[in-house]
Amino acid sequence: MDNSSKNEFRKECIKKLKISSNKNKLRKDKFISNEIKKIIINNKIKNILLYLPLDMEVDLRQLIKWLRINNYRVYVPFITGKTTFKAVPYRLPLKKNKYNIPEANNSNVKVKIKFDMAIVPIIGFDDSFRRVGFGVGFYDRYFSSLSYKPLVVFTQLHKCKSKEIITFEHDLKADFIVTNKGKLWKKN
């Protein structure tokens, strides 16, 4: 397996996501958020790491609002380097970083948070349930640095799955994938 297969697949998925993100996006966002709520409730989750979306990603802001109203602890990535981030508490106001991604303020908190669950956007995935993202490796590096494994849920507006294994062992693996078509569970 070479990286060119993964890069070609990534380009194909990005095209599909750009088209899909313009069609019924609010309905898809709501459907996916409701599926994630079920996972959260069924797994007794309390500490959640999730993302703030780009246009072609599932918009979880209504889910964040519901989580905060219901006293869940919500954290989001704060980019600290070219390929790294740290988790910070979600709080307003948000500011766009150099990648045009909304971020909460850097809290400079030194306490390690143990997440019960992480919600991660994807460009695509393969049969190994591993993530194809934008190719920078933010999430792969972050999760490989943890001494435990939280429940990992991938989100995607439009299901984009490779028929071949195109990911690597170090690519982040999901427990659940939630798309506009519903939930997929990891193979055991």
Protein backbone atom coordinates (compact mmCIF):
# COMPACT_ATOMS: atom_id res chain seq x y z
CA MET A 1 0.00 0.00 0.00
CA ASP A 2 1.34 3.43 -0.85
CA ASN A 3 0.38 6.93 0.17
CA SER A 4 -0.70 7.87 -3.38
CA SER A 5 -3.79 5.60 -3.08
CA LYS A 6 -4.75 7.37 0.11
CA ASN A 7 -4.16 10.80 -1.44
CA GLU A 8 -6.30 9.98 -4.49
CA PHE A 9 -9.07 8.67 -2.26
CA ARG A 10 -8.84 11.83 -0.11
CA LYS A 11 -9.25 14.06 -3.21
CA GLU A 12 -12.26 12.04 -4.39
CA CYS A 13 -13.92 12.26 -0.96
CA ILE A 14 -13.30 16.00 -0.64
CA LYS A 15 -15.09 16.56 -3.96
CA LYS A 16 -18.07 14.50 -2.75
CA LEU A 17 -18.15 16.29 0.62
CA LYS A 18 -18.08 19.74 -0.99
CA ILE A 19 -21.09 18.82 -3.12
CA SER A 20 -22.88 17.05 -0.26
CA SER A 21 -22.31 19.89 2.20
CA ASN A 22 -24.54 22.13 0.08
CA LYS A 23 -27.49 19.71 0.06
CA ASN A 24 -29.78 19.50 3.11
CA LYS A 25 -26.88 20.31 5.43
CA LEU A 26 -29.02 21.40 8.38
CA ARG A 27 -31.04 18.19 8.21
CA LYS A 28 -27.87 16.06 8.00
CA ASP A 29 -26.23 17.95 10.89
CA LYS A 30 -29.31 17.43 13.07
CA PHE A 31 -29.64 13.73 12.16
CA ILE A 32 -25.96 13.02 12.88
CA SER A 33 -26.04 15.02 16.14
CA ASN A 34 -29.08 13.03 17.31
CA GLU A 35 -27.29 9.74 16.55
CA ILE A 36 -24.29 10.96 18.57
CA LYS A 37 -26.58 11.90 21.49
CA LYS A 38 -27.77 8.28 21.59
CA ILE A 39 -24.18 7.04 21.76
CA ILE A 40 -23.39 9.52 24.54
CA ILE A 41 -26.42 8.53 26.61
CA ASN A 42 -25.99 4.76 26.05
CA ASN A 43 -22.32 4.88 27.07
CA LYS A 44 -22.72 7.17 30.11
CA ILE A 45 -20.27 9.70 28.72
CA LYS A 46 -19.30 12.80 30.76
CA ASN A 47 -16.06 14.27 29.28
CA ILE A 48 -16.15 14.82 25.53
CA LEU A 49 -13.58 16.06 23.06
CA LEU A 50 -15.11 17.29 19.84
CA TYR A 51 -14.24 19.63 17.01
CA LEU A 52 -15.43 22.97 15.69
CA PRO A 53 -16.39 22.43 12.04
CA LEU A 54 -15.17 23.51 8.67
CA ASP A 55 -17.90 24.05 6.05
CA MET A 56 -17.75 20.49 4.69
CA GLU A 57 -17.79 18.88 8.15
CA VAL A 58 -20.76 17.99 10.32
CA ASP A 59 -21.73 21.08 12.32
CA LEU A 60 -21.92 20.03 15.97
CA ARG A 61 -22.73 23.43 17.48
CA GLN A 62 -26.30 22.43 18.41
CA LEU A 63 -24.91 19.27 20.01
CA ILE A 64 -22.40 21.38 21.95
CA LYS A 65 -25.24 23.58 23.18
CA TRP A 66 -27.21 20.49 24.33
CA LEU A 67 -24.12 19.05 26.03
CA ARG A 68 -23.43 22.25 27.94
CA ILE A 69 -27.07 22.66 29.03
CA ASN A 70 -26.98 19.08 30.32
CA ASN A 71 -23.72 19.56 32.27
CA TYR A 72 -21.35 17.53 30.12
CA ARG A 73 -17.73 18.68 30.10
CA VAL A 74 -16.89 19.74 26.53
CA TYR A 75 -13.37 20.22 25.14
CA VAL A 76 -12.13 21.23 21.71
CA PRO A 77 -8.74 21.19 19.96
CA PHE A 78 -6.46 24.20 20.22
CA ILE A 79 -3.67 24.09 17.63
CA THR A 80 -0.25 24.48 19.26
CA GLY A 81 2.08 23.74 16.35
CA LYS A 82 2.21 22.72 12.70
CA THR A 83 0.91 19.23 13.42
CA THR A 84 -0.15 19.26 17.08
CA PHE A 85 -3.01 20.39 19.26
CA LYS A 86 -4.07 20.26 22.86
CA ALA A 87 -7.56 20.00 24.32
CA VAL A 88 -9.03 23.10 25.93
CA PRO A 89 -12.43 23.67 27.55
CA TYR A 90 -15.06 24.90 25.11
CA ARG A 91 -16.00 28.48 25.88
CA LEU A 92 -16.98 31.59 24.03
CA PRO A 93 -15.92 33.74 22.28
CA LEU A 94 -14.41 31.63 19.52
CA LYS A 95 -11.69 32.97 17.24
CA LYS A 96 -10.54 31.64 13.87
CA ASN A 97 -6.97 30.37 13.82
CA LYS A 98 -4.48 30.54 10.93
CA TYR A 99 -6.21 27.55 9.29
CA ASN A 100 -9.56 29.39 9.45
CA ILE A 101 -10.85 26.92 12.05
CA PRO A 102 -12.80 28.32 15.01
CA GLU A 103 -11.05 27.80 18.36
CA ALA A 104 -11.78 28.47 22.01
CA ASN A 105 -9.17 30.47 23.89
CA ASN A 106 -6.04 28.70 25.05
CA SER A 107 -6.69 28.09 28.74
CA ASN A 108 -3.08 27.24 29.69
CA VAL A 109 -4.57 24.59 31.98
CA LYS A 110 -1.95 21.99 32.89
CA VAL A 111 -4.42 19.39 34.18
CA LYS A 112 -4.69 16.26 32.01
CA ILE A 113 -8.29 15.53 31.09
CA LYS A 114 -9.35 11.93 30.59
CA PHE A 115 -11.96 11.88 27.84
CA ASP A 116 -14.70 9.30 27.84
CA MET A 117 -15.38 10.04 24.19
CA ALA A 118 -13.88 11.87 21.22
CA ILE A 119 -15.86 13.00 18.19
CA VAL A 120 -13.59 13.40 15.18
CA PRO A 121 -14.37 14.61 11.63
CA ILE A 122 -13.25 12.47 8.72
CA ILE A 123 -12.80 12.84 4.98
CA GLY A 124 -13.16 9.08 4.49
CA PHE A 125 -12.45 5.65 5.97
CA ASP A 126 -11.73 2.09 4.92
CA ASP A 127 -12.67 -1.43 6.09
CA SER A 128 -10.23 -1.17 9.00
CA PHE A 129 -12.37 1.70 10.39
CA ARG A 130 -9.32 3.96 10.25
CA ARG A 131 -9.55 7.64 9.46
CA VAL A 132 -8.57 9.47 6.32
CA GLY A 133 -8.33 13.15 7.20
CA PHE A 134 -6.72 16.14 5.53
CA GLY A 135 -3.29 14.51 5.79
CA VAL A 136 -1.69 16.65 8.50
CA GLY A 137 -1.92 14.05 11.30
CA PHE A 138 -3.29 16.26 14.11
CA TYR A 139 -5.63 13.62 15.48
CA ASP A 140 -3.27 10.66 14.93
CA ARG A 141 -0.51 12.36 16.91
CA TYR A 142 -2.83 13.53 19.67
CA PHE A 143 -4.44 10.14 20.27
CA SER A 144 -1.14 8.26 20.08
CA SER A 145 0.09 10.45 22.96
CA LEU A 146 -2.74 9.35 25.28
CA SER A 147 -2.16 6.55 27.79
CA TYR A 148 -5.76 5.33 27.36
CA LYS A 149 -8.28 5.00 24.54
CA PRO A 150 -11.55 6.92 24.72
CA LEU A 151 -14.59 5.85 22.73
CA VAL A 152 -13.93 7.31 19.26
CA VAL A 153 -16.77 8.45 17.00
CA PHE A 154 -16.09 9.66 13.46
CA THR A 155 -18.53 11.99 11.72
CA GLN A 156 -19.03 12.55 8.02
CA LEU A 157 -21.73 14.39 6.05
CA HIS A 158 -21.58 11.90 3.19
CA LYS A 159 -20.35 8.34 3.53
CA CYS A 160 -17.05 8.00 1.69
CA LYS A 161 -15.56 4.54 2.19
CA SER A 162 -12.65 2.91 0.38
CA LYS A 163 -13.16 -0.65 -0.81
CA GLU A 164 -9.44 -1.23 -0.21
CA ILE A 165 -7.39 -0.83 2.95
CA ILE A 166 -5.59 2.46 2.31
CA THR A 167 -4.82 3.56 5.86
CA PHE A 168 -1.82 2.80 8.04
CA GLU A 169 -1.58 1.21 11.48
CA HIS A 170 -0.92 4.64 13.07
CA ASP A 171 -4.12 6.17 11.61
CA LEU A 172 -6.83 6.74 14.21
CA LYS A 173 -9.44 3.97 14.42
CA ALA A 174 -13.15 4.47 15.22
CA ASP A 175 -15.55 2.64 17.47
CA PHE A 176 -18.46 4.24 15.62
CA ILE A 177 -18.83 6.13 12.37
CA VAL A 178 -21.90 8.34 11.99
CA THR A 179 -22.84 9.57 8.52
CA ASN A 180 -25.95 10.95 6.85
CA LYS A 181 -27.01 7.29 6.44
CA GLY A 182 -26.79 6.36 10.14
CA LYS A 183 -24.32 4.57 12.44
CA LEU A 184 -21.69 2.04 11.55
CA TRP A 185 -20.07 -0.07 14.27
CA LYS A 186 -16.50 -1.18 14.33
CA LYS A 187 -15.78 -4.76 13.47
CA ASN A 188 -14.50 -6.74 16.46
